[in-house]
Amino acid sequence: MPLRIRKLIGALVIVTFVFIYALVAMALAQAHFVQDASGPVQALWYAVLGLAWVLPLMPLIAWMAGPREKH
């Protein structure tokens, strides 16, 4: 598959995933166990939620930047 098509597909998947992830993260942030927690625990929770989207997308990003096809 050409690199250009890989990047297009990857970009569409990333945007869709981040949009859905943001909705789920907002719902989790409003959970009672988070709202009732202390300040440092809340900060840690928000930091984890803010960075956790990267892990599932790493294989996709590696695929997008993969080797070019030989013609």
Protein backbone atom coordinates (compact mmCIF):
# COMPACT_ATOMS: atom_id res chain seq x y z
CA MET A 1 0.00 0.00 0.00
CA PRO A 2 1.41 3.42 -0.87
CA LEU A 3 2.64 5.54 2.00
CA ARG A 4 0.27 8.34 1.10
CA ILE A 5 -2.78 6.07 1.44
CA ARG A 6 -1.45 4.67 4.73
CA LYS A 7 -1.16 8.16 6.14
CA LEU A 8 -4.67 9.08 5.00
CA ILE A 9 -6.19 5.95 6.55
CA GLY A 10 -4.13 6.39 9.71
CA ALA A 11 -5.13 10.03 10.09
CA LEU A 12 -8.82 9.19 9.74
CA VAL A 13 -8.55 6.38 12.29
CA ILE A 14 -6.61 8.58 14.73
CA VAL A 15 -9.13 11.43 14.54
CA THR A 16 -12.04 9.04 15.00
CA PHE A 17 -10.36 7.21 17.88
CA VAL A 18 -9.39 10.42 19.71
CA PHE A 19 -12.91 11.82 19.34
CA ILE A 20 -14.47 8.69 20.84
CA TYR A 21 -11.73 8.42 23.47
CA ALA A 22 -12.33 12.02 24.55
CA LEU A 23 -16.03 11.30 25.09
CA VAL A 24 -15.23 8.21 27.17
CA ALA A 25 -12.55 10.06 29.15
CA MET A 26 -14.97 12.89 29.95
CA ALA A 27 -17.55 10.37 31.16
CA LEU A 28 -14.94 8.64 33.34
CA ALA A 29 -13.76 11.96 34.74
CA GLN A 30 -17.28 12.66 35.97
CA ALA A 31 -17.48 9.36 37.87
CA HIS A 32 -18.17 9.65 41.59
CA PHE A 33 -14.99 7.86 42.62
CA VAL A 34 -12.96 10.50 40.79
CA GLN A 35 -14.96 13.47 42.03
CA ASP A 36 -14.78 12.27 45.64
CA ALA A 37 -11.03 11.60 45.52
CA SER A 38 -8.37 13.92 46.90
CA GLY A 39 -6.64 16.51 44.73
CA PRO A 40 -3.44 14.53 44.02
CA VAL A 41 -5.44 11.41 43.14
CA GLN A 42 -7.59 13.46 40.76
CA ALA A 43 -4.48 14.97 39.17
CA LEU A 44 -3.00 11.52 38.67
CA TRP A 45 -6.28 10.21 37.20
CA TYR A 46 -6.48 13.13 34.74
CA ALA A 47 -2.84 12.66 33.75
CA VAL A 48 -3.42 8.96 33.07
CA LEU A 49 -6.59 9.70 31.08
CA GLY A 50 -4.79 12.43 29.17
CA LEU A 51 -1.94 10.17 28.07
CA ALA A 52 -3.61 6.75 27.78
CA TRP A 53 -4.83 7.33 24.21
CA VAL A 54 -1.26 7.12 22.93
CA LEU A 55 -0.69 3.45 23.79
CA PRO A 56 -3.39 1.91 21.57
CA LEU A 57 -2.39 4.17 18.67
CA MET A 58 1.35 3.39 18.70
CA PRO A 59 1.04 0.34 16.41
CA LEU A 60 -1.05 2.37 13.98
CA ILE A 61 1.51 5.17 13.91
CA ALA A 62 4.30 2.65 13.33
CA TRP A 63 2.27 1.14 10.47
CA MET A 64 1.72 4.58 8.95
CA ALA A 65 5.46 5.30 8.96
CA GLY A 66 6.39 1.81 7.75
CA PRO A 67 8.61 1.01 4.80
CA ARG A 68 7.56 2.15 1.37
CA GLU A 69 6.59 -0.35 -1.27
CA LYS A 70 9.12 -1.08 -3.98
CA HIS A 71 7.84 -0.48 -7.49
